[in-house]
PDB file of N, CA and C in Angstrom:
ATOM      1  N   GLN A   1      63.965 105.439  26.152  1.00  0.00           N
ATOM      2  CA  GLN A   1      63.824 105.697  24.723  1.00  0.00           C
ATOM      3  C   GLN A   1      63.377 104.436  24.015  1.00  0.00           C
ATOM      4  N   VAL A   2      62.752 104.626  22.858  1.00  0.00           N
ATOM      5  CA  VAL A   2      62.317 103.496  22.055  1.00  0.00           C
ATOM      6  C   VAL A   2      62.662 103.763  20.602  1.00  0.00           C
ATOM      7  N   GLN A   3      63.057 102.722  19.901  1.00  0.00           N
ATOM      8  CA  GLN A   3      63.364 102.818  18.476  1.00  0.00           C
ATOM      9  C   GLN A   3      62.223 102.176  17.694  1.00  0.00           C
ATOM     10  N   LEU A   4      61.781 102.854  16.640  1.00  0.00           N
ATOM     11  CA  LEU A   4      60.678 102.378  15.829  1.00  0.00           C
ATOM     12  C   LEU A   4      61.169 102.109  14.417  1.00  0.00           C
ATOM     13  N   VAL A   5      60.816 100.945  13.882  1.00  0.00           N
ATOM     14  CA  VAL A   5      61.227 100.574  12.535  1.00  0.00           C
ATOM     15  C   VAL A   5      60.012 100.119  11.751  1.00  0.00           C
ATOM     16  N   GLU A   6      59.701 100.863  10.675  1.00  0.00           N
ATOM     17  CA  GLU A   6      58.565 100.522   9.830  1.00  0.00           C
ATOM     18  C   GLU A   6      58.992  99.569   8.715  1.00  0.00           C
ATOM     19  N   SER A   7      58.042  98.785   8.252  1.00  0.00           N
ATOM     20  CA  SER A   7      58.261  97.906   7.113  1.00  0.00           C
ATOM     21  C   SER A   7      56.926  97.652   6.432  1.00  0.00           C
ATOM     22  N   GLY A   8      56.999  97.116   5.211  1.00  0.00           N
ATOM     23  CA  GLY A   8      55.783  96.729   4.510  1.00  0.00           C
ATOM     24  C   GLY A   8      55.354  97.661   3.399  1.00  0.00           C
ATOM     25  N   GLY A   9      56.049  98.766   3.237  1.00  0.00           N
ATOM     26  CA  GLY A   9      55.697  99.675   2.155  1.00  0.00           C
ATOM     27  C   GLY A   9      56.066  99.094   0.801  1.00  0.00           C
ATOM     28  N   GLY A  10      55.641  99.780  -0.260  1.00  0.00           N
ATOM     29  CA  GLY A  10      55.965  99.320  -1.596  1.00  0.00           C
ATOM     30  C   GLY A  10      55.074  99.947  -2.635  1.00  0.00           C
ATOM     31  N   LEU A  11      55.120  99.374  -3.823  1.00  0.00           N
ATOM     32  CA  LEU A  11      54.324  99.845  -4.961  1.00  0.00           C
ATOM     33  C   LEU A  11      53.150  98.901  -5.158  1.00  0.00           C
ATOM     34  N   VAL A  12      51.957  99.484  -5.276  1.00  0.00           N
ATOM     35  CA  VAL A  12      50.751  98.680  -5.448  1.00  0.00           C
ATOM     36  C   VAL A  12      49.817  99.412  -6.394  1.00  0.00           C
ATOM     37  N   GLN A  13      49.013  98.662  -7.102  1.00  0.00           N
ATOM     38  CA  GLN A  13      48.033  99.282  -7.987  1.00  0.00           C
ATOM     39  C   GLN A  13      46.830  99.761  -7.192  1.00  0.00           C
ATOM     40  N   ALA A  14      46.146 100.731  -7.737  1.00  0.00           N
ATOM     41  CA  ALA A  14      44.924 101.230  -7.098  1.00  0.00           C
ATOM     42  C   ALA A  14      43.949 100.079  -6.882  1.00  0.00           C
ATOM     43  N   GLY A  15      43.346 100.076  -5.701  1.00  0.00           N
ATOM     44  CA  GLY A  15      42.451  98.997  -5.334  1.00  0.00           C
ATOM     45  C   GLY A  15      43.119  97.877  -4.568  1.00  0.00           C
ATOM     46  N   GLY A  16      44.437  97.896  -4.543  1.00  0.00           N
ATOM     47  CA  GLY A  16      45.183  96.858  -3.862  1.00  0.00           C
ATOM     48  C   GLY A  16      45.311  97.106  -2.373  1.00  0.00           C
ATOM     49  N   SER A  17      46.093  96.239  -1.719  1.00  0.00           N
ATOM     50  CA  SER A  17      46.255  96.293  -0.270  1.00  0.00           C
ATOM     51  C   SER A  17      47.729  96.201   0.114  1.00  0.00           C
ATOM     52  N   LEU A  18      48.039  96.785   1.241  1.00  0.00           N
ATOM     53  CA  LEU A  18      49.351  96.665   1.871  1.00  0.00           C
ATOM     54  C   LEU A  18      49.152  96.610   3.375  1.00  0.00           C
ATOM     55  N   ARG A  19      50.077  95.965   4.048  1.00  0.00           N
ATOM     56  CA  ARG A  19      50.067  95.942   5.511  1.00  0.00           C
ATOM     57  C   ARG A  19      51.391  96.470   6.009  1.00  0.00           C
ATOM     58  N   LEU A  20      51.346  97.586   6.696  1.00  0.00           N
ATOM     59  CA  LEU A  20      52.535  98.162   7.291  1.00  0.00           C
ATOM     60  C   LEU A  20      52.708  97.634   8.714  1.00  0.00           C
ATOM     61  N   SER A  21      53.956  97.451   9.093  1.00  0.00           N
ATOM     62  CA  SER A  21      54.287  97.050  10.456  1.00  0.00           C
ATOM     63  C   SER A  21      55.270  98.050  11.039  1.00  0.00           C
ATOM     64  N   CYS A  22      55.200  98.211  12.327  1.00  0.00           N
ATOM     65  CA  CYS A  22      56.139  99.082  13.037  1.00  0.00           C
ATOM     66  C   CYS A  22      56.575  98.351  14.294  1.00  0.00           C
ATOM     67  N   ALA A  23      57.821  97.942  14.313  1.00  0.00           N
ATOM     68  CA  ALA A  23      58.358  97.210  15.450  1.00  0.00           C
ATOM     69  C   ALA A  23      59.110  98.154  16.361  1.00  0.00           C
ATOM     70  N   ALA A  24      58.859  98.019  17.648  1.00  0.00           N
ATOM     71  CA  ALA A  24      59.491  98.880  18.636  1.00  0.00           C
ATOM     72  C   ALA A  24      60.516  98.104  19.437  1.00  0.00           C
ATOM     73  N   SER A  25      61.619  98.754  19.702  1.00  0.00           N
ATOM     74  CA  SER A  25      62.620  98.149  20.579  1.00  0.00           C
ATOM     75  C   SER A  25      63.106  99.211  21.540  1.00  0.00           C
ATOM     76  N   ARG A  26      63.304  98.814  22.758  1.00  0.00           N
ATOM     77  CA  ARG A  26      63.720  99.769  23.774  1.00  0.00           C
ATOM     78  C   ARG A  26      65.233  99.928  23.755  1.00  0.00           C
ATOM     79  N   ARG A  27      65.661 101.174  23.629  1.00  0.00           N
ATOM     80  CA  ARG A  27      67.107 101.438  23.672  1.00  0.00           C
ATOM     81  C   ARG A  27      67.611 101.411  25.104  1.00  0.00           C
ATOM     82  N   THR A  28      66.775 101.828  26.018  1.00  0.00           N
ATOM     83  CA  THR A  28      67.145 101.817  27.423  1.00  0.00           C
ATOM     84  C   THR A  28      65.984 101.229  28.209  1.00  0.00           C
ATOM     85  N   SER A  29      66.243 100.799  29.370  1.00  0.00           N
ATOM     86  CA  SER A  29      65.184 100.223  30.189  1.00  0.00           C
ATOM     87  C   SER A  29      64.195 101.313  30.554  1.00  0.00           C
ATOM     88  N   GLY A  30      62.978 100.931  30.837  1.00  0.00           N
ATOM     89  CA  GLY A  30      61.966 101.915  31.176  1.00  0.00           C
ATOM     90  C   GLY A  30      60.604 101.484  30.712  1.00  0.00           C
ATOM     91  N   ARG A  31      59.921 102.347  29.992  1.00  0.00           N
ATOM     92  CA  ARG A  31      58.546 102.103  29.583  1.00  0.00           C
ATOM     93  C   ARG A  31      58.434 100.904  28.651  1.00  0.00           C
ATOM     94  N   THR A  32      57.367 100.177  28.816  1.00  0.00           N
ATOM     95  CA  THR A  32      57.077  99.076  27.907  1.00  0.00           C
ATOM     96  C   THR A  32      56.277  99.591  26.727  1.00  0.00           C
ATOM     97  N   PHE A  33      56.235  98.794  25.650  1.00  0.00           N
ATOM     98  CA  PHE A  33      55.520  99.180  24.442  1.00  0.00           C
ATOM     99  C   PHE A  33      54.061  99.489  24.749  1.00  0.00           C
ATOM    100  N   SER A  34      53.466  98.723  25.640  1.00  0.00           N
ATOM    101  CA  SER A  34      52.060  98.896  25.962  1.00  0.00           C
ATOM    102  C   SER A  34      51.753 100.203  26.675  1.00  0.00           C
ATOM    103  N   SER A  35      52.775 100.931  27.057  1.00  0.00           N
ATOM    104  CA  SER A  35      52.554 102.207  27.734  1.00  0.00           C
ATOM    105  C   SER A  35      52.514 103.379  26.756  1.00  0.00           C
ATOM    106  N   TYR A  36      52.691 103.092  25.472  1.00  0.00           N
ATOM    107  CA  TYR A  36      52.679 104.140  24.456  1.00  0.00           C
ATOM    108  C   TYR A  36      51.391 104.123  23.650  1.00  0.00           C
ATOM    109  N   VAL A  37      50.823 105.291  23.421  1.00  0.00           N
ATOM    110  CA  VAL A  37      49.832 105.460  22.370  1.00  0.00           C
ATOM    111  C   VAL A  37      50.607 105.466  21.051  1.00  0.00           C
ATOM    112  N   MET A  38      50.101 104.746  20.068  1.00  0.00           N
ATOM    113  CA  MET A  38      50.808 104.628  18.797  1.00  0.00           C
ATOM    114  C   MET A  38      49.999 105.247  17.668  1.00  0.00           C
ATOM    115  N   GLY A  39      50.693 105.909  16.778  1.00  0.00           N
ATOM    116  CA  GLY A  39      50.020 106.532  15.652  1.00  0.00           C
ATOM    117  C   GLY A  39      50.738 106.270  14.347  1.00  0.00           C
ATOM    118  N   TRP A  40      49.975 106.333  13.278  1.00  0.00           N
ATOM    119  CA  TRP A  40      50.525 106.312  11.921  1.00  0.00           C
ATOM    120  C   TRP A  40      50.250 107.685  11.295  1.00  0.00           C
ATOM    121  N   PHE A  41      51.273 108.243  10.700  1.00  0.00           N
ATOM    122  CA  PHE A  41      51.170 109.514   9.998  1.00  0.00           C
ATOM    123  C   PHE A  41      51.688 109.314   8.574  1.00  0.00           C
ATOM    124  N   ARG A  42      51.368 110.242   7.701  1.00  0.00           N
ATOM    125  CA  ARG A  42      51.913 110.164   6.345  1.00  0.00           C
ATOM    126  C   ARG A  42      52.198 111.561   5.819  1.00  0.00           C
ATOM    127  N   GLN A  43      53.169 111.602   4.908  1.00  0.00           N
ATOM    128  CA  GLN A  43      53.536 112.874   4.293  1.00  0.00           C
ATOM    129  C   GLN A  43      53.742 112.658   2.808  1.00  0.00           C
ATOM    130  N   ALA A  44      52.926 113.315   2.023  1.00  0.00           N
ATOM    131  CA  ALA A  44      53.046 113.261   0.573  1.00  0.00           C
ATOM    132  C   ALA A  44      53.977 114.383   0.113  1.00  0.00           C
ATOM    133  N   PRO A  45      54.569 114.246  -1.054  1.00  0.00           N
ATOM    134  CA  PRO A  45      55.488 115.283  -1.553  1.00  0.00           C
ATOM    135  C   PRO A  45      54.814 116.649  -1.605  1.00  0.00           C
ATOM    136  N   GLY A  46      55.478 117.642  -1.032  1.00  0.00           N
ATOM    137  CA  GLY A  46      54.956 118.996  -1.058  1.00  0.00           C
ATOM    138  C   GLY A  46      53.831 119.266  -0.092  1.00  0.00           C
ATOM    139  N   LYS A  47      53.504 118.290   0.743  1.00  0.00           N
ATOM    140  CA  LYS A  47      52.402 118.464   1.683  1.00  0.00           C
ATOM    141  C   LYS A  47      52.891 118.289   3.112  1.00  0.00           C
ATOM    142  N   GLU A  48      52.067 118.740   4.039  1.00  0.00           N
ATOM    143  CA  GLU A  48      52.401 118.578   5.439  1.00  0.00           C
ATOM    144  C   GLU A  48      52.118 117.140   5.890  1.00  0.00           C
ATOM    145  N   ARG A  49      52.740 116.788   6.984  1.00  0.00           N
ATOM    146  CA  ARG A  49      52.498 115.482   7.572  1.00  0.00           C
ATOM    147  C   ARG A  49      51.121 115.458   8.232  1.00  0.00           C
ATOM    148  N   ASP A  50      50.355 114.427   7.938  1.00  0.00           N
ATOM    149  CA  ASP A  50      49.000 114.301   8.471  1.00  0.00           C
ATOM    150  C   ASP A  50      48.837 112.995   9.234  1.00  0.00           C
ATOM    151  N   VAL A  51      47.963 113.025  10.216  1.00  0.00           N
ATOM    152  CA  VAL A  51      47.653 111.807  10.940  1.00  0.00           C
ATOM    153  C   VAL A  51      46.822 110.892  10.061  1.00  0.00           C
ATOM    154  N   VAL A  52      47.064 109.591  10.177  1.00  0.00           N
ATOM    155  CA  VAL A  52      46.291 108.592   9.457  1.00  0.00           C
ATOM    156  C   VAL A  52      45.403 107.822  10.436  1.00  0.00           C
ATOM    157  N   ALA A  53      46.025 107.282  11.481  1.00  0.00           N
ATOM    158  CA  ALA A  53      45.292 106.490  12.466  1.00  0.00           C
ATOM    159  C   ALA A  53      46.070 106.473  13.769  1.00  0.00           C
ATOM    160  N   VAL A  54      45.336 106.315  14.861  1.00  0.00           N
ATOM    161  CA  VAL A  54      45.937 106.273  16.189  1.00  0.00           C
ATOM    162  C   VAL A  54      45.260 105.163  16.978  1.00  0.00           C
ATOM    163  N   ILE A  55      46.038 104.518  17.846  1.00  0.00           N
ATOM    164  CA  ILE A  55      45.480 103.449  18.674  1.00  0.00           C
ATOM    165  C   ILE A  55      45.920 103.642  20.114  1.00  0.00           C
ATOM    166  N   SER A  56      45.007 103.394  21.024  1.00  0.00           N
ATOM    167  CA  SER A  56      45.294 103.568  22.440  1.00  0.00           C
ATOM    168  C   SER A  56      46.227 102.482  22.949  1.00  0.00           C
ATOM    169  N   ARG A  57      46.645 102.634  24.184  1.00  0.00           N
ATOM    170  CA  ARG A  57      47.609 101.711  24.766  1.00  0.00           C
ATOM    171  C   ARG A  57      47.127 100.270  24.745  1.00  0.00           C
ATOM    172  N   THR A  58      45.862 100.075  25.054  1.00  0.00           N
ATOM    173  CA  THR A  58      45.326  98.712  25.107  1.00  0.00           C
ATOM    174  C   THR A  58      44.794  98.237  23.768  1.00  0.00           C
ATOM    175  N   GLY A  59      44.625  99.167  22.836  1.00  0.00           N
ATOM    176  CA  GLY A  59      44.043  98.821  21.546  1.00  0.00           C
ATOM    177  C   GLY A  59      42.535  98.948  21.514  1.00  0.00           C
ATOM    178  N   MET A  60      41.939  99.341  22.619  1.00  0.00           N
ATOM    179  CA  MET A  60      40.480  99.401  22.699  1.00  0.00           C
ATOM    180  C   MET A  60      39.910 100.608  21.955  1.00  0.00           C
ATOM    181  N   ASN A  61      40.698 101.649  21.844  1.00  0.00           N
ATOM    182  CA  ASN A  61      40.222 102.871  21.195  1.00  0.00           C
ATOM    183  C   ASN A  61      41.101 103.223  20.012  1.00  0.00           C
ATOM    184  N   THR A  62      40.446 103.661  18.942  1.00  0.00           N
ATOM    185  CA  THR A  62      41.162 104.034  17.732  1.00  0.00           C
ATOM    186  C   THR A  62      40.603 105.321  17.155  1.00  0.00           C
ATOM    187  N   TYR A  63      41.412 105.940  16.319  1.00  0.00           N
ATOM    188  CA  TYR A  63      41.005 107.140  15.579  1.00  0.00           C
ATOM    189  C   TYR A  63      41.469 106.969  14.140  1.00  0.00           C
ATOM    190  N   TYR A  64      40.628 107.415  13.212  1.00  0.00           N
ATOM    191  CA  TYR A  64      40.996 107.382  11.798  1.00  0.00           C
ATOM    192  C   TYR A  64      40.710 108.729  11.154  1.00  0.00           C
ATOM    193  N   ALA A  65      41.592 109.135  10.289  1.00  0.00           N
ATOM    194  CA  ALA A  65      41.317 110.308   9.476  1.00  0.00           C
ATOM    195  C   ALA A  65      40.143 109.982   8.551  1.00  0.00           C
ATOM    196  N   ASP A  66      39.354 110.981   8.239  1.00  0.00           N
ATOM    197  CA  ASP A  66      38.188 110.765   7.387  1.00  0.00           C
ATOM    198  C   ASP A  66      38.560 110.131   6.051  1.00  0.00           C
ATOM    199  N   SER A  67      39.715 110.500   5.553  1.00  0.00           N
ATOM    200  CA  SER A  67      40.128 110.038   4.223  1.00  0.00           C
ATOM    201  C   SER A  67      40.413 108.542   4.169  1.00  0.00           C
ATOM    202  N   VAL A  68      40.590 107.903   5.325  1.00  0.00           N
ATOM    203  CA  VAL A  68      40.935 106.477   5.317  1.00  0.00           C
ATOM    204  C   VAL A  68      39.903 105.614   6.034  1.00  0.00           C
ATOM    205  N   LYS A  69      38.898 106.230   6.622  1.00  0.00           N
ATOM    206  CA  LYS A  69      37.871 105.469   7.337  1.00  0.00           C
ATOM    207  C   LYS A  69      37.223 104.439   6.416  1.00  0.00           C
ATOM    208  N   GLY A  70      37.079 103.233   6.938  1.00  0.00           N
ATOM    209  CA  GLY A  70      36.470 102.162   6.170  1.00  0.00           C
ATOM    210  C   GLY A  70      37.441 101.425   5.261  1.00  0.00           C
ATOM    211  N   ARG A  71      38.648 101.975   5.100  1.00  0.00           N
ATOM    212  CA  ARG A  71      39.645 101.328   4.229  1.00  0.00           C
ATOM    213  C   ARG A  71      40.869 100.864   5.003  1.00  0.00           C
ATOM    214  N   PHE A  72      41.265 101.612   6.019  1.00  0.00           N
ATOM    215  CA  PHE A  72      42.463 101.297   6.802  1.00  0.00           C
ATOM    216  C   PHE A  72      42.067 100.801   8.188  1.00  0.00           C
ATOM    217  N   THR A  73      42.892  99.912   8.747  1.00  0.00           N
ATOM    218  CA  THR A  73      42.671  99.425  10.104  1.00  0.00           C
ATOM    219  C   THR A  73      43.989  99.426  10.855  1.00  0.00           C
ATOM    220  N   ILE A  74      43.992 100.073  12.003  1.00  0.00           N
ATOM    221  CA  ILE A  74      45.163 100.077  12.869  1.00  0.00           C
ATOM    222  C   ILE A  74      44.959  99.037  13.965  1.00  0.00           C
ATOM    223  N   SER A  75      46.031  98.337  14.295  1.00  0.00           N
ATOM    224  CA  SER A  75      45.966  97.344  15.369  1.00  0.00           C
ATOM    225  C   SER A  75      47.340  97.253  16.021  1.00  0.00           C
ATOM    226  N   ARG A  76      47.389  96.604  17.145  1.00  0.00           N
ATOM    227  CA  ARG A  76      48.673  96.442  17.827  1.00  0.00           C
ATOM    228  C   ARG A  76      48.718  95.088  18.526  1.00  0.00           C
ATOM    229  N   ASP A  77      49.930  94.587  18.667  1.00  0.00           N
ATOM    230  CA  ASP A  77      50.185  93.369  19.412  1.00  0.00           C
ATOM    231  C   ASP A  77      51.227  93.717  20.465  1.00  0.00           C
ATOM    232  N   ASN A  78      50.779  93.954  21.663  1.00  0.00           N
ATOM    233  CA  ASN A  78      51.703  94.386  22.719  1.00  0.00           C
ATOM    234  C   ASN A  78      52.678  93.283  23.118  1.00  0.00           C
ATOM    235  N   ALA A  79      52.325  92.048  22.879  1.00  0.00           N
ATOM    236  CA  ALA A  79      53.245  90.952  23.176  1.00  0.00           C
ATOM    237  C   ALA A  79      54.424  90.936  22.201  1.00  0.00           C
ATOM    238  N   LYS A  80      54.189  91.494  21.006  1.00  0.00           N
ATOM    239  CA  LYS A  80      55.246  91.537  19.987  1.00  0.00           C
ATOM    240  C   LYS A  80      55.817  92.939  19.805  1.00  0.00           C
ATOM    241  N   ASP A  81      55.369  93.891  20.611  1.00  0.00           N
ATOM    242  CA  ASP A  81      55.857  95.273  20.520  1.00  0.00           C
ATOM    243  C   ASP A  81      55.718  95.816  19.096  1.00  0.00           C
ATOM    244  N   THR A  82      54.583  95.574  18.503  1.00  0.00           N
ATOM    245  CA  THR A  82      54.386  95.925  17.104  1.00  0.00           C
ATOM    246  C   THR A  82      53.003  96.540  16.892  1.00  0.00           C
ATOM    247  N   VAL A  83      52.966  97.554  16.035  1.00  0.00           N
ATOM    248  CA  VAL A  83      51.708  98.154  15.616  1.00  0.00           C
ATOM    249  C   VAL A  83      51.602  97.975  14.103  1.00  0.00           C
ATOM    250  N   TYR A  84      50.368  97.788  13.636  1.00  0.00           N
ATOM    251  CA  TYR A  84      50.131  97.492  12.231  1.00  0.00           C
ATOM    252  C   TYR A  84      49.182  98.519  11.617  1.00  0.00           C
ATOM    253  N   LEU A  85      49.270  98.643  10.301  1.00  0.00           N
ATOM    254  CA  LEU A  85      48.291  99.432   9.560  1.00  0.00           C
ATOM    255  C   LEU A  85      47.918  98.627   8.320  1.00  0.00           C
ATOM    256  N   GLN A  86      46.726  98.058   8.347  1.00  0.00           N
ATOM    257  CA  GLN A  86      46.214  97.336   7.186  1.00  0.00           C
ATOM    258  C   GLN A  86      45.541  98.348   6.271  1.00  0.00           C
ATOM    259  N   MET A  87      45.987  98.398   5.027  1.00  0.00           N
ATOM    260  CA  MET A  87      45.476  99.384   4.077  1.00  0.00           C
ATOM    261  C   MET A  87      44.834  98.644   2.907  1.00  0.00           C
ATOM    262  N   ASN A  88      43.548  98.823   2.755  1.00  0.00           N
ATOM    263  CA  ASN A  88      42.797  98.197   1.668  1.00  0.00           C
ATOM    264  C   ASN A  88      42.233  99.265   0.743  1.00  0.00           C
ATOM    265  N   SER A  89      41.824  98.833  -0.432  1.00  0.00           N
ATOM    266  CA  SER A  89      41.228  99.748  -1.417  1.00  0.00           C
ATOM    267  C   SER A  89      42.080 100.993  -1.598  1.00  0.00           C
ATOM    268  N   LEU A  90      43.349 100.784  -1.783  1.00  0.00           N
ATOM    269  CA  LEU A  90      44.274 101.906  -1.878  1.00  0.00           C
ATOM    270  C   LEU A  90      44.000 102.766  -3.105  1.00  0.00           C
ATOM    271  N   LYS A  91      44.238 104.061  -2.924  1.00  0.00           N
ATOM    272  CA  LYS A  91      44.016 105.041  -3.980  1.00  0.00           C
ATOM    273  C   LYS A  91      45.330 105.766  -4.274  1.00  0.00           C
ATOM    274  N   PRO A  92      45.471 106.323  -5.463  1.00  0.00           N
ATOM    275  CA  PRO A  92      46.705 107.076  -5.765  1.00  0.00           C
ATOM    276  C   PRO A  92      46.972 108.183  -4.746  1.00  0.00           C
ATOM    277  N   GLU A  93      45.948 108.778  -4.205  1.00  0.00           N
ATOM    278  CA  GLU A  93      46.141 109.850  -3.219  1.00  0.00           C
ATOM    279  C   GLU A  93      46.647 109.337  -1.873  1.00  0.00           C
ATOM    280  N   ASP A  94      46.734 108.026  -1.700  1.00  0.00           N
ATOM    281  CA  ASP A  94      47.341 107.467  -0.487  1.00  0.00           C
ATOM    282  C   ASP A  94      48.867 107.419  -0.600  1.00  0.00           C
ATOM    283  N   THR A  95      49.390 107.743  -1.761  1.00  0.00           N
ATOM    284  CA  THR A  95      50.834 107.736  -1.958  1.00  0.00           C
ATOM    285  C   THR A  95      51.513 108.727  -1.021  1.00  0.00           C
ATOM    286  N   ALA A  96      52.467 108.232  -0.244  1.00  0.00           N
ATOM    287  CA  ALA A  96      53.149 109.063   0.753  1.00  0.00           C
ATOM    288  C   ALA A  96      54.208 108.225   1.456  1.00  0.00           C
ATOM    289  N   VAL A  97      55.022 108.899   2.242  1.00  0.00           N
ATOM    290  CA  VAL A  97      55.876 108.206   3.197  1.00  0.00           C
ATOM    291  C   VAL A  97      55.067 108.057   4.483  1.00  0.00           C
ATOM    292  N   TYR A  98      55.000 106.848   4.972  1.00  0.00           N
ATOM    293  CA  TYR A  98      54.223 106.553   6.174  1.00  0.00           C
ATOM    294  C   TYR A  98      55.165 106.374   7.362  1.00  0.00           C
ATOM    295  N   TYR A  99      54.836 107.061   8.449  1.00  0.00           N
ATOM    296  CA  TYR A  99      55.638 107.029   9.658  1.00  0.00           C
ATOM    297  C   TYR A  99      54.810 106.491  10.820  1.00  0.00           C
ATOM    298  N   CYS A 100      55.428 105.683  11.655  1.00  0.00           N
ATOM    299  CA  CYS A 100      54.776 105.363  12.922  1.00  0.00           C
ATOM    300  C   CYS A 100      55.427 106.199  14.013  1.00  0.00           C
ATOM    301  N   ALA A 101      54.672 106.447  15.051  1.00  0.00           N
ATOM    302  CA  ALA A 101      55.136 107.312  16.126  1.00  0.00           C
ATOM    303  C   ALA A 101      54.567 106.823  17.452  1.00  0.00           C
ATOM    304  N   ALA A 102      55.310 107.099  18.502  1.00  0.00           N
ATOM    305  CA  ALA A 102      54.918 106.680  19.852  1.00  0.00           C
ATOM    306  C   ALA A 102      54.771 107.897  20.746  1.00  0.00           C
ATOM    307  N   SER A 103      53.697 107.915  21.506  1.00  0.00           N
ATOM    308  CA  SER A 103      53.435 109.019  22.424  1.00  0.00           C
ATOM    309  C   SER A 103      53.379 108.514  23.852  1.00  0.00           C
ATOM    310  N   THR A 104      54.027 109.252  24.753  1.00  0.00           N
ATOM    311  CA  THR A 104      53.977 108.898  26.165  1.00  0.00           C
ATOM    312  C   THR A 104      52.716 109.450  26.834  1.00  0.00           C
ATOM    313  N   SER A 105      51.969 110.257  26.114  1.00  0.00           N
ATOM    314  CA  SER A 105      50.707 110.763  26.640  1.00  0.00           C
ATOM    315  C   SER A 105      49.671 109.648  26.680  1.00  0.00           C
ATOM    316  N   SER A 106      48.770 109.711  27.620  1.00  0.00           N
ATOM    317  CA  SER A 106      47.724 108.701  27.716  1.00  0.00           C
ATOM    318  C   SER A 106      46.575 108.976  26.760  1.00  0.00           C
ATOM    319  N   ALA A 107      46.520 110.184  26.237  1.00  0.00           N
ATOM    320  CA  ALA A 107      45.417 110.561  25.360  1.00  0.00           C
ATOM    321  C   ALA A 107      45.714 110.191  23.909  1.00  0.00           C
ATOM    322  N   ILE A 108      44.670 109.935  23.159  1.00  0.00           N
ATOM    323  CA  ILE A 108      44.831 109.703  21.723  1.00  0.00           C
ATOM    324  C   ILE A 108      44.974 111.054  21.061  1.00  0.00           C
ATOM    325  N   SER A 109      46.161 111.344  20.580  1.00  0.00           N
ATOM    326  CA  SER A 109      46.424 112.639  19.975  1.00  0.00           C
ATOM    327  C   SER A 109      46.578 112.494  18.471  1.00  0.00           C
ATOM    328  N   THR A 110      46.010 113.439  17.751  1.00  0.00           N
ATOM    329  CA  THR A 110      46.117 113.427  16.295  1.00  0.00           C
ATOM    330  C   THR A 110      47.138 114.437  15.798  1.00  0.00           C
ATOM    331  N   THR A 111      47.856 115.044  16.722  1.00  0.00           N
ATOM    332  CA  THR A 111      48.847 116.060  16.381  1.00  0.00           C
ATOM    333  C   THR A 111      50.244 115.525  16.603  1.00  0.00           C
ATOM    334  N   GLY A 112      51.069 115.648  15.598  1.00  0.00           N
ATOM    335  CA  GLY A 112      52.402 115.085  15.660  1.00  0.00           C
ATOM    336  C   GLY A 112      53.269 115.609  16.783  1.00  0.00           C
ATOM    337  N   GLN A 113      53.014 116.833  17.206  1.00  0.00           N
ATOM    338  CA  GLN A 113      53.858 117.435  18.239  1.00  0.00           C
ATOM    339  C   GLN A 113      53.756 116.708  19.564  1.00  0.00           C
ATOM    340  N   TYR A 114      52.726 115.897  19.754  1.00  0.00           N
ATOM    341  CA  TYR A 114      52.564 115.190  21.017  1.00  0.00           C
ATOM    342  C   TYR A 114      53.196 113.801  20.984  1.00  0.00           C
ATOM    343  N   TYR A 115      53.877 113.490  19.906  1.00  0.00           N
ATOM    344  CA  TYR A 115      54.534 112.193  19.788  1.00  0.00           C
ATOM    345  C   TYR A 115      56.029 112.361  20.053  1.00  0.00           C
ATOM    346  N   ASP A 116      56.552 111.433  20.819  1.00  0.00           N
ATOM    347  CA  ASP A 116      57.915 111.563  21.312  1.00  0.00           C
ATOM    348  C   ASP A 116      58.943 110.835  20.463  1.00  0.00           C
ATOM    349  N   TYR A 117      58.538 109.761  19.810  1.00  0.00           N
ATOM    350  CA  TYR A 117      59.472 108.951  19.034  1.00  0.00           C
ATOM    351  C   TYR A 117      58.866 108.672  17.657  1.00  0.00           C
ATOM    352  N   TRP A 118      59.744 108.670  16.666  1.00  0.00           N
ATOM    353  CA  TRP A 118      59.327 108.482  15.282  1.00  0.00           C
ATOM    354  C   TRP A 118      60.218 107.469  14.587  1.00  0.00           C
ATOM    355  N   GLY A 119      59.589 106.728  13.679  1.00  0.00           N
ATOM    356  CA  GLY A 119      60.367 105.857  12.822  1.00  0.00           C
ATOM    357  C   GLY A 119      60.925 106.623  11.632  1.00  0.00           C
ATOM    358  N   GLN A 120      61.673 105.923  10.789  1.00  0.00           N
ATOM    359  CA  GLN A 120      62.301 106.552   9.628  1.00  0.00           C
ATOM    360  C   GLN A 120      61.354 106.683   8.449  1.00  0.00           C
ATOM    361  N   GLY A 121      60.271 105.950   8.473  1.00  0.00           N
ATOM    362  CA  GLY A 121      59.286 106.030   7.406  1.00  0.00           C
ATOM    363  C   GLY A 121      59.442 104.925   6.381  1.00  0.00           C
ATOM    364  N   THR A 122      58.330 104.607   5.736  1.00  0.00           N
ATOM    365  CA  THR A 122      58.324 103.626   4.655  1.00  0.00           C
ATOM    366  C   THR A 122      57.467 104.180   3.517  1.00  0.00           C
ATOM    367  N   GLN A 123      57.972 104.053   2.305  1.00  0.00           N
ATOM    368  CA  GLN A 123      57.298 104.633   1.143  1.00  0.00           C
ATOM    369  C   GLN A 123      56.158 103.736   0.677  1.00  0.00           C
ATOM    370  N   VAL A 124      55.008 104.346   0.459  1.00  0.00           N
ATOM    371  CA  VAL A 124      53.864 103.663  -0.144  1.00  0.00           C
ATOM    372  C   VAL A 124      53.522 104.411  -1.429  1.00  0.00           C
ATOM    373  N   THR A 125      53.517 103.695  -2.537  1.00  0.00           N
ATOM    374  CA  THR A 125      53.186 104.291  -3.822  1.00  0.00           C
ATOM    375  C   THR A 125      52.034 103.514  -4.444  1.00  0.00           C
ATOM    376  N   VAL A 126      50.975 104.229  -4.784  1.00  0.00           N
ATOM    377  CA  VAL A 126      49.793 103.607  -5.383  1.00  0.00           C
ATOM    378  C   VAL A 126      49.665 104.122  -6.804  1.00  0.00           C
ATOM    379  N   SER A 127      49.750 103.219  -7.748  1.00  0.00           N
ATOM    380  CA  SER A 127      49.654 103.606  -9.153  1.00  0.00           C
ATOM    381  C   SER A 127      48.211 103.514  -9.640  1.00  0.00           C
ATOM    382  N   SER A 128      47.879 104.388 -10.570  1.00  0.00           N
ATOM    383  CA  SER A 128      46.500 104.407 -11.088  1.00  0.00           C
ATOM    384  C   SER A 128      46.337 103.478 -12.276  1.00  0.00           C
TER     385      SER A 128
END
């Protein structure tokens, strides 16, 4: 098992930037952080949870939702067991709770059901 803890959320004006971090710690021995595909998802009030970005085990491959392409960047540091989401040019519609998730699948999945572990979430609020 792995525990995920997000940080870096907050209140920012439209056009601003935030960097989210998700630190992983192993509750039991077993898989290393580098063996997980990592994803960022978000859920706005009254809406379903949507994928934001996904990164492969090595970091060589990434996926972005159309709504964030060119503005958000996902990255990971396997030596620090941490995945990041750099968010630039933020818009009010980016307001949501952001969750990181870990998948034991080798494929880059954009569907939450394929993720095995989830963090508690961090609130991002973008004011207009």
